[in-house]
């Protein structure tokens, strides 16, 4: 049984009990999953076996074992969720990568199924939908030394002015809100570092709804994008971006990797 709470038109599933059923995305919905990369040794070994040769090679290149473990659990969680949505075994999922490294599925019958993911330390955020590119980003909230200099280097001029107009104690959260909204947009378009962060503007002041206000000098182009805040914990800032009018958003409660795999019956 699931406990459902409605808030701001979104559906928040506060508990999981899918008993291995295939996950389904209703018309135009965006599904978000927050995962903490904790797993038993049995589940970790299961996750490791799901990775393809390229992913295992990447995991082996990490200097610290904890980083290799986070990478392994993060990729395995992605495979498990995609497998549950498409009715495939996690180890059978094949990826291809765009010119800037954005992953997509290389699977017959998966056309139009789109996803994106981000991690910050031991937490991952995953987004899924049909028929619309999307980007997600998550960052741990932490002090930002030389916050004005960093903002001046990367943010648009109006964003810097808004940021510095805030009391000093409120600036780190506003900074991370701005950063994650920008990163989510960049990940949605898949152009990576080739997109200057100051080529578009987003809101960042507390109380202002998340939105893009200008894109390459055009307010009309900016209106074609939806930005939404999605924070997996109170200690994180997160954002979702996609080029469409607002879609129904389903946010699943934070789970560990072991809880996720047990619930999906993999």
Protein backbone atom coordinates (compact mmCIF):
# COMPACT_ATOMS: atom_id res chain seq x y z
CA UNK A 1 0.00 0.00 0.00
CA UNK A 2 1.19 3.51 -0.75
CA UNK A 3 0.46 6.63 1.22
CA UNK A 4 -0.27 9.43 -1.22
CA UNK A 5 -0.20 13.12 -0.35
CA UNK A 6 -1.22 15.78 -2.85
CA UNK A 7 0.73 19.05 -2.75
CA UNK A 8 0.83 21.84 -5.34
CA UNK A 9 -0.65 19.54 -7.95
CA UNK A 10 2.18 17.02 -7.64
CA UNK A 11 1.91 13.48 -6.33
CA UNK A 12 4.32 12.52 -3.58
CA UNK A 13 4.57 8.80 -2.92
CA UNK A 14 5.84 8.64 0.64
CA UNK A 15 6.31 4.87 0.82
CA UNK A 16 7.14 2.17 -1.69
CA UNK A 17 5.38 -1.13 -2.12
CA UNK A 18 5.49 -2.14 -5.75
CA UNK A 19 6.23 -5.81 -5.12
CA UNK A 20 8.16 -6.20 -8.33
CA UNK A 21 5.46 -4.71 -10.52
CA UNK A 22 6.49 -2.89 -13.64
CA UNK A 23 6.63 0.85 -13.11
CA UNK A 24 4.46 2.98 -15.38
CA UNK A 25 4.50 6.65 -16.31
CA UNK A 26 1.08 8.12 -17.05
CA UNK A 27 0.51 10.66 -19.80
CA UNK A 28 3.11 13.47 -19.62
CA UNK A 29 4.20 12.62 -16.08
CA UNK A 30 7.76 13.13 -14.91
CA UNK A 31 8.93 10.66 -12.26
CA UNK A 32 11.72 11.54 -9.84
CA UNK A 33 13.59 9.12 -7.61
CA UNK A 34 16.00 10.07 -4.82
CA UNK A 35 18.38 7.27 -3.83
CA UNK A 36 20.92 7.08 -1.04
CA UNK A 37 23.85 4.92 -2.07
CA UNK A 38 23.72 2.53 0.87
CA UNK A 39 23.58 -1.20 0.19
CA UNK A 40 24.35 -4.51 1.80
CA UNK A 41 27.36 -6.41 0.49
CA UNK A 42 25.00 -8.86 -1.20
CA UNK A 43 23.22 -6.05 -3.01
CA UNK A 44 26.48 -4.34 -3.87
CA UNK A 45 27.78 -7.50 -5.54
CA UNK A 46 24.50 -7.81 -7.42
CA UNK A 47 24.87 -4.22 -8.60
CA UNK A 48 28.44 -4.78 -9.69
CA UNK A 49 27.38 -7.73 -11.84
CA UNK A 50 24.85 -5.54 -13.68
CA UNK A 51 27.46 -3.11 -14.99
CA UNK A 52 28.79 -3.48 -18.51
CA UNK A 53 32.50 -3.68 -19.29
CA UNK A 54 32.87 0.06 -19.81
CA UNK A 55 31.18 0.88 -16.50
CA UNK A 56 33.32 -1.62 -14.61
CA UNK A 57 36.41 -0.11 -16.18
CA UNK A 58 35.32 3.36 -15.05
CA UNK A 59 34.69 2.08 -11.52
CA UNK A 60 38.16 0.53 -11.42
CA UNK A 61 39.80 3.87 -12.26
CA UNK A 62 38.65 5.57 -9.05
CA UNK A 63 41.49 6.06 -6.60
CA UNK A 64 39.30 5.66 -3.51
CA UNK A 65 37.14 2.59 -3.02
CA UNK A 66 34.24 4.66 -1.64
CA UNK A 67 34.05 6.61 -4.92
CA UNK A 68 34.04 3.39 -6.94
CA UNK A 69 31.26 2.08 -4.70
CA UNK A 70 29.14 5.20 -5.17
CA UNK A 71 29.61 5.01 -8.95
CA UNK A 72 28.66 1.32 -9.01
CA UNK A 73 25.55 1.79 -6.89
CA UNK A 74 24.53 4.88 -8.86
CA UNK A 75 24.74 3.18 -12.24
CA UNK A 76 23.06 0.04 -10.95
CA UNK A 77 20.19 2.09 -9.52
CA UNK A 78 19.73 3.72 -12.92
CA UNK A 79 19.69 0.30 -14.59
CA UNK A 80 17.21 -1.06 -12.05
CA UNK A 81 14.79 1.83 -12.53
CA UNK A 82 14.99 1.78 -16.32
CA UNK A 83 14.51 -1.98 -16.25
CA UNK A 84 11.40 -1.61 -14.08
CA UNK A 85 9.90 0.99 -16.43
CA UNK A 86 10.66 -0.94 -19.62
CA UNK A 87 10.25 -4.49 -18.37
CA UNK A 88 13.92 -5.40 -18.92
CA UNK A 89 16.60 -6.98 -16.79
CA UNK A 90 19.00 -4.29 -15.45
CA UNK A 91 22.07 -6.01 -16.93
CA UNK A 92 20.48 -6.03 -20.39
CA UNK A 93 20.16 -2.23 -20.62
CA UNK A 94 22.44 -0.70 -23.25
CA UNK A 95 23.41 2.97 -23.39
CA UNK A 96 24.73 5.26 -26.06
CA UNK A 97 26.26 8.67 -25.48
CA UNK A 98 25.88 12.00 -27.26
CA UNK A 99 28.75 14.15 -28.46
CA UNK A 100 28.90 15.88 -25.06
CA UNK A 101 28.45 12.67 -23.08
CA UNK A 102 24.72 12.74 -22.37
CA UNK A 103 23.47 9.13 -22.07
CA UNK A 104 20.40 7.73 -23.80
CA UNK A 105 19.06 4.25 -24.40
CA UNK A 106 20.26 2.02 -27.19
CA UNK A 107 17.29 -0.30 -26.89
CA UNK A 108 14.61 -1.39 -29.40
CA UNK A 109 11.20 -0.15 -28.28
CA UNK A 110 12.60 2.50 -25.96
CA UNK A 111 12.22 5.41 -28.39
CA UNK A 112 10.83 8.40 -26.54
CA UNK A 113 11.72 7.12 -23.07
CA UNK A 114 14.03 9.78 -21.68
CA UNK A 115 15.95 10.11 -18.45
CA UNK A 116 18.62 12.06 -16.65
CA UNK A 117 20.43 11.70 -13.35
CA UNK A 118 22.75 13.50 -10.99
CA UNK A 119 24.58 12.68 -7.80
CA UNK A 120 26.09 14.61 -4.92
CA UNK A 121 28.22 12.44 -2.67
CA UNK A 122 26.13 9.51 -1.44
CA UNK A 123 22.84 10.76 -2.94
CA UNK A 124 21.48 10.39 -6.44
CA UNK A 125 18.53 12.01 -8.20
CA UNK A 126 16.94 10.32 -11.24
CA UNK A 127 14.30 11.69 -13.61
CA UNK A 128 12.21 9.79 -16.18
CA UNK A 129 9.51 10.73 -18.69
CA UNK A 130 8.25 10.02 -22.19
CA UNK A 131 8.60 12.34 -25.16
CA UNK A 132 10.48 15.25 -23.58
CA UNK A 133 14.16 15.84 -22.87
CA UNK A 134 14.85 16.60 -19.24
CA UNK A 135 17.75 17.46 -16.97
CA UNK A 136 18.19 17.08 -13.21
CA UNK A 137 20.86 18.35 -10.85
CA UNK A 138 21.44 17.98 -7.12
CA UNK A 139 24.03 19.64 -4.91
CA UNK A 140 24.78 19.46 -1.21
CA UNK A 141 24.14 22.75 0.55
CA UNK A 142 27.43 24.00 1.93
CA UNK A 143 29.24 27.30 2.53
CA UNK A 144 30.56 28.95 -0.62
CA UNK A 145 33.85 30.78 -0.04
CA UNK A 146 34.24 33.86 -2.24
CA UNK A 147 30.60 33.54 -3.23
CA UNK A 148 30.48 36.95 -4.95
CA UNK A 149 33.56 36.24 -7.09
CA UNK A 150 32.27 32.82 -8.15
CA UNK A 151 28.82 34.21 -8.98
CA UNK A 152 30.36 37.08 -10.95
CA UNK A 153 32.38 34.61 -12.99
CA UNK A 154 29.53 32.26 -13.89
CA UNK A 155 26.14 33.93 -13.35
CA UNK A 156 24.33 36.57 -15.38
CA UNK A 157 24.63 40.13 -14.08
CA UNK A 158 21.05 40.31 -12.77
CA UNK A 159 21.52 37.00 -10.95
CA UNK A 160 24.62 38.33 -9.20
CA UNK A 161 22.73 41.46 -8.17
CA UNK A 162 19.84 39.40 -6.79
CA UNK A 163 22.20 37.10 -4.92
CA UNK A 164 24.18 39.89 -3.29
CA UNK A 165 20.99 41.74 -2.30
CA UNK A 166 20.22 38.94 0.17
CA UNK A 167 21.39 38.78 3.78
CA UNK A 168 24.67 36.90 3.98
CA UNK A 169 23.09 33.90 5.73
CA UNK A 170 20.63 33.39 2.85
CA UNK A 171 23.16 33.56 0.02
CA UNK A 172 24.45 29.94 0.03
CA UNK A 173 20.99 28.44 -0.51
CA UNK A 174 20.15 31.00 -3.19
CA UNK A 175 23.49 30.31 -4.87
CA UNK A 176 22.83 26.57 -4.96
CA UNK A 177 19.27 27.11 -6.18
CA UNK A 178 20.61 29.18 -9.07
CA UNK A 179 23.40 26.70 -9.79
CA UNK A 180 21.19 23.59 -9.86
CA UNK A 181 18.56 25.27 -12.04
CA UNK A 182 21.24 26.24 -14.53
CA UNK A 183 22.89 22.81 -14.47
CA UNK A 184 19.53 21.09 -14.95
CA UNK A 185 18.92 23.16 -18.09
CA UNK A 186 22.40 22.43 -19.46
CA UNK A 187 21.91 18.71 -18.83
CA UNK A 188 18.53 18.79 -20.56
CA UNK A 189 19.97 20.28 -23.76
CA UNK A 190 22.97 17.95 -23.55
CA UNK A 191 25.56 20.52 -24.58
CA UNK A 192 27.69 20.31 -21.45
CA UNK A 193 30.28 22.97 -20.75
CA UNK A 194 29.80 24.53 -24.19
CA UNK A 195 26.78 26.42 -22.82
CA UNK A 196 27.90 29.52 -20.89
CA UNK A 197 26.09 29.76 -17.56
CA UNK A 198 25.55 33.49 -18.10
CA UNK A 199 23.82 32.97 -21.47
CA UNK A 200 20.48 32.52 -19.69
CA UNK A 201 18.89 33.80 -16.50
CA UNK A 202 16.92 32.03 -13.78
CA UNK A 203 15.20 33.18 -10.62
CA UNK A 204 16.97 32.60 -7.31
CA UNK A 205 15.40 34.85 -4.66
CA UNK A 206 13.58 33.09 -1.79
CA UNK A 207 9.85 33.07 -2.49
CA UNK A 208 10.22 33.50 -6.26
CA UNK A 209 8.94 30.49 -8.21
CA UNK A 210 11.72 28.70 -10.11
CA UNK A 211 11.68 29.77 -13.74
CA UNK A 212 13.90 30.86 -16.58
CA UNK A 213 13.55 34.55 -17.32
CA UNK A 214 15.79 34.92 -20.36
CA UNK A 215 17.48 32.55 -22.81
CA UNK A 216 20.09 33.88 -25.20
CA UNK A 217 18.57 37.32 -24.82
CA UNK A 218 15.00 36.15 -25.45
CA UNK A 219 12.25 36.16 -22.85
CA UNK A 220 9.98 34.27 -25.26
CA UNK A 221 12.49 31.44 -25.63
CA UNK A 222 12.80 31.24 -21.84
CA UNK A 223 9.03 30.80 -21.49
CA UNK A 224 9.35 27.52 -23.39
CA UNK A 225 11.11 25.96 -20.40
CA UNK A 226 9.82 24.67 -17.07
CA UNK A 227 12.04 24.67 -13.98
CA UNK A 228 11.06 22.94 -10.75
CA UNK A 229 12.83 22.61 -7.42
CA UNK A 230 13.34 19.03 -6.23
CA UNK A 231 15.43 18.54 -3.09
CA UNK A 232 15.91 14.95 -1.85
CA UNK A 233 16.84 16.11 1.68
CA UNK A 234 16.82 19.42 3.58
CA UNK A 235 20.61 19.44 3.16
CA UNK A 236 20.44 19.41 -0.65
CA UNK A 237 19.29 21.70 -3.43
CA UNK A 238 17.94 20.09 -6.57
CA UNK A 239 16.30 21.15 -9.81
CA UNK A 240 14.48 19.71 -12.80
CA UNK A 241 14.34 21.36 -16.25
CA UNK A 242 12.51 20.45 -19.45
CA UNK A 243 11.32 22.24 -22.64
CA UNK A 244 7.55 21.94 -22.18
CA UNK A 245 4.68 23.42 -20.22
CA UNK A 246 4.49 22.07 -16.66
CA UNK A 247 4.02 18.32 -16.49
CA UNK A 248 2.56 16.31 -13.58
CA UNK A 249 5.44 15.52 -11.24
CA UNK A 250 5.65 12.31 -9.21
CA UNK A 251 8.32 12.45 -6.50
CA UNK A 252 9.15 9.16 -4.82
CA UNK A 253 10.40 9.16 -1.25
CA UNK A 254 14.11 8.80 -0.54
CA UNK A 255 15.23 5.15 -0.47
CA UNK A 256 18.51 3.29 -0.11
CA UNK A 257 19.77 1.10 -2.91
CA UNK A 258 18.95 -2.01 -0.90
CA UNK A 259 15.38 -0.80 -0.31
CA UNK A 260 15.00 0.00 -3.98
CA UNK A 261 16.21 -3.39 -5.17
CA UNK A 262 14.12 -5.26 -2.62
CA UNK A 263 11.02 -3.33 -3.63
CA UNK A 264 11.58 -3.84 -7.34
CA UNK A 265 12.25 -7.53 -6.66
CA UNK A 266 15.50 -7.68 -8.64
